[in-house]
Amino acid sequence: MSHPPRSRAGKVVGSVVYVGVLAIGIAIAIGAYFTFSADRPEAGECVDITDAHTADPGWRQADCGSAESDFLIAEVTAGSAECRPGYATVSRETRRTSGMRLCLVPDVAVGDCLRVPVAGIETKVSCGEPGANERVTGVASNTAGAAACPPGTGRSTVYPDPARTVCTGPSAQ
């Protein structure tokens, strides 16, 4: 059984509908890409810790070196993969980021103050703020440990990747 030939107007309408549906599909794909990848942090980016006093602190992305940035992301792991010993860790369980864990090193500079709780995660705070109990005395881009720290340092923490030694002493509160 043969079909009658389509008119020129029918072909034009069909082509316009096809192009329109294709454009809508591409727009949806692009929107989904940016929606689902925008909240996926990567190593080298920085985060601000929220709800640091809880057992499961949250985080939001921040500009590295800013007052809001508490940590530099050293590694992003998934599933049951653990961070190296000594790295701060926060995780997020959502439909899009199932089992994502951030392995963190402090994003600090000499003179910054920290609130180091008995339990939980340390955060950068204003030096005059109650609870500011440590001050950064040195930061070195190496793994020399205490040898990289100036006199008066009470604690040195070494991070192999990225190579960093963070030196702290008591806050002058």
C-alpha atoms as a PDB file:
ATOM      1  CA  MET A   1       0.000   0.000   0.000  1.00  0.00           C
ATOM      2  CA  SER A   2       1.516   3.300  -0.987  1.00  0.00           C
ATOM      3  CA  HIS A   3       1.085   6.596   0.785  1.00  0.00           C
ATOM      4  CA  PRO A   4       0.324   9.738  -1.123  1.00  0.00           C
ATOM      5  CA  PRO A   5       3.339  12.098  -1.349  1.00  0.00           C
ATOM      6  CA  ARG A   6       3.494  14.721   1.397  1.00  0.00           C
ATOM      7  CA  SER A   7       3.023  18.284   0.386  1.00  0.00           C
ATOM      8  CA  ARG A   8       5.876  20.742   0.611  1.00  0.00           C
ATOM      9  CA  ALA A   9       4.144  22.472   3.541  1.00  0.00           C
ATOM     10  CA  GLY A  10       3.934  19.146   5.389  1.00  0.00           C
ATOM     11  CA  LYS A  11       7.646  18.559   4.931  1.00  0.00           C
ATOM     12  CA  VAL A  12       8.474  22.045   6.232  1.00  0.00           C
ATOM     13  CA  VAL A  13       6.222  21.617   9.287  1.00  0.00           C
ATOM     14  CA  GLY A  14       7.729  18.197   9.970  1.00  0.00           C
ATOM     15  CA  SER A  15      11.253  19.586   9.754  1.00  0.00           C
ATOM     16  CA  VAL A  16      10.427  22.496  12.081  1.00  0.00           C
ATOM     17  CA  VAL A  17       8.860  20.136  14.639  1.00  0.00           C
ATOM     18  CA  TYR A  18      11.886  17.805  14.425  1.00  0.00           C
ATOM     19  CA  VAL A  19      14.364  20.669  14.932  1.00  0.00           C
ATOM     20  CA  GLY A  20      12.265  22.051  17.816  1.00  0.00           C
ATOM     21  CA  VAL A  21      12.133  18.709  19.622  1.00  0.00           C
ATOM     22  CA  LEU A  22      15.865  18.220  19.070  1.00  0.00           C
ATOM     23  CA  ALA A  23      16.612  21.710  20.493  1.00  0.00           C
ATOM     24  CA  ILE A  24      14.473  21.034  23.572  1.00  0.00           C
ATOM     25  CA  GLY A  25      16.284  17.717  24.149  1.00  0.00           C
ATOM     26  CA  ILE A  26      19.692  19.391  23.899  1.00  0.00           C
ATOM     27  CA  ALA A  27      18.595  22.161  26.292  1.00  0.00           C
ATOM     28  CA  ILE A  28      17.402  19.564  28.829  1.00  0.00           C
ATOM     29  CA  ALA A  29      20.680  17.630  28.557  1.00  0.00           C
ATOM     30  CA  ILE A  30      22.769  20.790  29.076  1.00  0.00           C
ATOM     31  CA  GLY A  31      20.619  21.862  32.033  1.00  0.00           C
ATOM     32  CA  ALA A  32      20.910  18.429  33.644  1.00  0.00           C
ATOM     33  CA  TYR A  33      24.689  18.440  33.197  1.00  0.00           C
ATOM     34  CA  PHE A  34      25.087  21.769  34.988  1.00  0.00           C
ATOM     35  CA  THR A  35      22.512  20.929  37.659  1.00  0.00           C
ATOM     36  CA  PHE A  36      24.037  17.590  38.605  1.00  0.00           C
ATOM     37  CA  SER A  37      27.701  18.566  38.305  1.00  0.00           C
ATOM     38  CA  ALA A  38      27.555  22.026  39.923  1.00  0.00           C
ATOM     39  CA  ASP A  39      27.562  20.608  43.443  1.00  0.00           C
ATOM     40  CA  ARG A  40      30.353  18.087  42.857  1.00  0.00           C
ATOM     41  CA  PRO A  41      33.523  19.420  44.405  1.00  0.00           C
ATOM     42  CA  GLU A  42      36.937  18.542  43.047  1.00  0.00           C
ATOM     43  CA  ALA A  43      40.408  18.262  44.536  1.00  0.00           C
ATOM     44  CA  GLY A  44      42.032  21.690  44.662  1.00  0.00           C
ATOM     45  CA  GLU A  45      38.793  23.540  45.481  1.00  0.00           C
ATOM     46  CA  CYS A  46      38.040  24.896  48.947  1.00  0.00           C
ATOM     47  CA  VAL A  47      35.134  24.516  51.362  1.00  0.00           C
ATOM     48  CA  ASP A  48      33.586  26.343  54.305  1.00  0.00           C
ATOM     49  CA  ILE A  49      32.532  23.968  57.087  1.00  0.00           C
ATOM     50  CA  THR A  50      28.990  24.464  58.386  1.00  0.00           C
ATOM     51  CA  ASP A  51      27.602  22.955  61.577  1.00  0.00           C
ATOM     52  CA  ALA A  52      31.137  22.138  62.746  1.00  0.00           C
ATOM     53  CA  HIS A  53      29.892  21.374  66.243  1.00  0.00           C
ATOM     54  CA  THR A  54      27.795  18.412  65.046  1.00  0.00           C
ATOM     55  CA  ALA A  55      28.856  14.808  64.501  1.00  0.00           C
ATOM     56  CA  ASP A  56      28.198  15.164  60.754  1.00  0.00           C
ATOM     57  CA  PRO A  57      29.220  18.686  59.697  1.00  0.00           C
ATOM     58  CA  GLY A  58      28.117  20.109  56.379  1.00  0.00           C
ATOM     59  CA  TRP A  59      30.052  22.191  53.880  1.00  0.00           C
ATOM     60  CA  ARG A  60      29.662  24.629  51.044  1.00  0.00           C
ATOM     61  CA  GLN A  61      32.155  25.638  48.400  1.00  0.00           C
ATOM     62  CA  ALA A  62      34.248  28.753  49.139  1.00  0.00           C
ATOM     63  CA  ASP A  63      37.015  30.724  47.483  1.00  0.00           C
ATOM     64  CA  CYS A  64      40.424  29.401  48.497  1.00  0.00           C
ATOM     65  CA  GLY A  65      42.325  31.827  50.735  1.00  0.00           C
ATOM     66  CA  SER A  66      39.157  33.659  51.804  1.00  0.00           C
ATOM     67  CA  ALA A  67      38.072  34.130  55.413  1.00  0.00           C
ATOM     68  CA  GLU A  68      35.191  31.680  54.775  1.00  0.00           C
ATOM     69  CA  SER A  69      37.403  28.886  53.444  1.00  0.00           C
ATOM     70  CA  ASP A  70      38.323  26.391  56.134  1.00  0.00           C
ATOM     71  CA  PHE A  71      39.841  23.597  54.050  1.00  0.00           C
ATOM     72  CA  LEU A  72      41.378  22.711  50.703  1.00  0.00           C
ATOM     73  CA  ILE A  73      40.026  19.491  49.187  1.00  0.00           C
ATOM     74  CA  ALA A  74      42.923  17.047  48.847  1.00  0.00           C
ATOM     75  CA  GLU A  75      40.811  14.190  47.513  1.00  0.00           C
ATOM     76  CA  VAL A  76      37.199  13.259  46.804  1.00  0.00           C
ATOM     77  CA  THR A  77      36.408   9.609  47.506  1.00  0.00           C
ATOM     78  CA  ALA A  78      33.285   7.556  46.939  1.00  0.00           C
ATOM     79  CA  GLY A  79      31.711   4.549  48.583  1.00  0.00           C
ATOM     80  CA  SER A  80      33.618   3.068  51.508  1.00  0.00           C
ATOM     81  CA  ALA A  81      37.005   4.598  50.588  1.00  0.00           C
ATOM     82  CA  GLU A  82      38.586   6.281  53.598  1.00  0.00           C
ATOM     83  CA  CYS A  83      40.721   9.404  53.743  1.00  0.00           C
ATOM     84  CA  ARG A  84      44.353   9.144  54.808  1.00  0.00           C
ATOM     85  CA  PRO A  85      44.979   9.302  58.556  1.00  0.00           C
ATOM     86  CA  GLY A  86      45.168  12.873  59.871  1.00  0.00           C
ATOM     87  CA  TYR A  87      43.036  14.441  57.125  1.00  0.00           C
ATOM     88  CA  ALA A  88      39.797  16.094  58.180  1.00  0.00           C
ATOM     89  CA  THR A  89      36.793  14.366  56.624  1.00  0.00           C
ATOM     90  CA  VAL A  90      33.272  15.433  55.770  1.00  0.00           C
ATOM     91  CA  SER A  91      30.788  13.437  53.750  1.00  0.00           C
ATOM     92  CA  ARG A  92      27.509  13.980  52.005  1.00  0.00           C
ATOM     93  CA  GLU A  93      24.776  11.495  51.287  1.00  0.00           C
ATOM     94  CA  THR A  94      22.324  12.625  48.649  1.00  0.00           C
ATOM     95  CA  ARG A  95      20.811  10.970  45.643  1.00  0.00           C
ATOM     96  CA  ARG A  96      23.409  12.672  43.424  1.00  0.00           C
ATOM     97  CA  THR A  97      26.459  12.318  45.686  1.00  0.00           C
ATOM     98  CA  SER A  98      25.973   8.916  47.284  1.00  0.00           C
ATOM     99  CA  GLY A  99      28.790   8.210  49.691  1.00  0.00           C
ATOM    100  CA  MET A 100      30.945  11.150  48.652  1.00  0.00           C
ATOM    101  CA  ARG A 101      33.691  11.933  51.161  1.00  0.00           C
ATOM    102  CA  LEU A 102      35.984  14.970  51.099  1.00  0.00           C
ATOM    103  CA  CYS A 103      39.529  14.537  52.420  1.00  0.00           C
ATOM    104  CA  LEU A 104      40.668  17.949  53.624  1.00  0.00           C
ATOM    105  CA  VAL A 105      43.763  19.927  54.596  1.00  0.00           C
ATOM    106  CA  PRO A 106      43.500  23.310  56.344  1.00  0.00           C
ATOM    107  CA  ASP A 107      43.312  26.363  54.070  1.00  0.00           C
ATOM    108  CA  VAL A 108      45.137  28.659  56.499  1.00  0.00           C
ATOM    109  CA  ALA A 109      47.806  31.340  56.599  1.00  0.00           C
ATOM    110  CA  VAL A 110      50.137  32.501  59.351  1.00  0.00           C
ATOM    111  CA  GLY A 111      48.137  34.509  61.892  1.00  0.00           C
ATOM    112  CA  ASP A 112      44.794  32.747  61.275  1.00  0.00           C
ATOM    113  CA  CYS A 113      43.036  31.444  64.357  1.00  0.00           C
ATOM    114  CA  LEU A 114      41.315  28.100  64.719  1.00  0.00           C
ATOM    115  CA  ARG A 115      38.639  26.634  66.915  1.00  0.00           C
ATOM    116  CA  VAL A 116      39.872  23.118  67.615  1.00  0.00           C
ATOM    117  CA  PRO A 117      37.084  21.275  69.436  1.00  0.00           C
ATOM    118  CA  VAL A 118      37.551  18.225  71.634  1.00  0.00           C
ATOM    119  CA  ALA A 119      35.279  16.346  69.223  1.00  0.00           C
ATOM    120  CA  GLY A 120      34.393  17.456  65.728  1.00  0.00           C
ATOM    121  CA  ILE A 121      36.255  19.364  63.063  1.00  0.00           C
ATOM    122  CA  GLU A 122      38.471  22.448  63.427  1.00  0.00           C
ATOM    123  CA  THR A 123      37.398  25.636  61.695  1.00  0.00           C
ATOM    124  CA  LYS A 124      38.972  28.994  60.954  1.00  0.00           C
ATOM    125  CA  VAL A 125      37.514  31.732  63.173  1.00  0.00           C
ATOM    126  CA  SER A 126      38.197  35.359  64.041  1.00  0.00           C
ATOM    127  CA  CYS A 127      40.995  35.541  66.617  1.00  0.00           C
ATOM    128  CA  GLY A 128      38.766  37.520  69.009  1.00  0.00           C
ATOM    129  CA  GLU A 129      35.950  34.989  68.862  1.00  0.00           C
ATOM    130  CA  PRO A 130      35.278  32.831  71.935  1.00  0.00           C
ATOM    131  CA  GLY A 131      36.655  29.376  71.351  1.00  0.00           C
ATOM    132  CA  ALA A 132      39.568  30.502  69.154  1.00  0.00           C
ATOM    133  CA  ASN A 133      42.094  28.296  70.905  1.00  0.00           C
ATOM    134  CA  GLU A 134      44.934  27.964  68.361  1.00  0.00           C
ATOM    135  CA  ARG A 135      46.802  30.381  66.104  1.00  0.00           C
ATOM    136  CA  VAL A 136      48.618  29.347  62.917  1.00  0.00           C
ATOM    137  CA  THR A 137      52.323  30.021  63.408  1.00  0.00           C
ATOM    138  CA  GLY A 138      53.579  28.570  60.139  1.00  0.00           C
ATOM    139  CA  VAL A 139      52.501  26.954  56.876  1.00  0.00           C
ATOM    140  CA  ALA A 140      55.048  25.228  54.651  1.00  0.00           C
ATOM    141  CA  SER A 141      54.576  23.545  51.273  1.00  0.00           C
ATOM    142  CA  ASN A 142      56.552  20.512  52.378  1.00  0.00           C
ATOM    143  CA  THR A 143      56.331  17.540  54.712  1.00  0.00           C
ATOM    144  CA  ALA A 144      59.173  18.557  57.024  1.00  0.00           C
ATOM    145  CA  GLY A 145      56.946  18.536  60.099  1.00  0.00           C
ATOM    146  CA  ALA A 146      58.224  20.260  63.237  1.00  0.00           C
ATOM    147  CA  ALA A 147      61.463  21.222  61.440  1.00  0.00           C
ATOM    148  CA  ALA A 148      59.420  23.591  59.247  1.00  0.00           C
ATOM    149  CA  CYS A 149      57.816  25.319  62.242  1.00  0.00           C
ATOM    150  CA  PRO A 150      59.013  28.441  64.056  1.00  0.00           C
ATOM    151  CA  PRO A 151      59.834  28.483  67.797  1.00  0.00           C
ATOM    152  CA  GLY A 152      56.765  28.521  70.028  1.00  0.00           C
ATOM    153  CA  THR A 153      54.831  26.060  67.886  1.00  0.00           C
ATOM    154  CA  GLY A 154      52.842  23.625  69.950  1.00  0.00           C
ATOM    155  CA  ARG A 155      51.632  21.326  67.209  1.00  0.00           C
ATOM    156  CA  SER A 156      52.728  20.492  63.677  1.00  0.00           C
ATOM    157  CA  THR A 157      50.548  18.505  61.316  1.00  0.00           C
ATOM    158  CA  VAL A 158      51.919  16.994  58.121  1.00  0.00           C
ATOM    159  CA  TYR A 159      49.819  16.318  55.032  1.00  0.00           C
ATOM    160  CA  PRO A 160      51.538  14.307  52.270  1.00  0.00           C
ATOM    161  CA  ASP A 161      49.236  15.341  49.407  1.00  0.00           C
ATOM    162  CA  PRO A 162      49.220  18.180  48.775  1.00  0.00           C
ATOM    163  CA  ALA A 163      52.539  18.474  50.618  1.00  0.00           C
ATOM    164  CA  ARG A 164      51.887  20.783  53.547  1.00  0.00           C
ATOM    165  CA  THR A 165      52.984  21.264  57.135  1.00  0.00           C
ATOM    166  CA  VAL A 166      50.686  23.355  59.330  1.00  0.00           C
ATOM    167  CA  CYS A 167      52.137  24.716  62.576  1.00  0.00           C
ATOM    168  CA  THR A 168      49.963  26.015  65.414  1.00  0.00           C
ATOM    169  CA  GLY A 169      50.404  27.360  68.901  1.00  0.00           C
ATOM    170  CA  PRO A 170      48.061  28.570  71.596  1.00  0.00           C
ATOM    171  CA  SER A 171      45.860  31.516  70.721  1.00  0.00           C
ATOM    172  CA  ALA A 172      46.751  34.777  72.494  1.00  0.00           C
ATOM    173  CA  GLN A 173      43.229  35.211  73.923  1.00  0.00           C
END
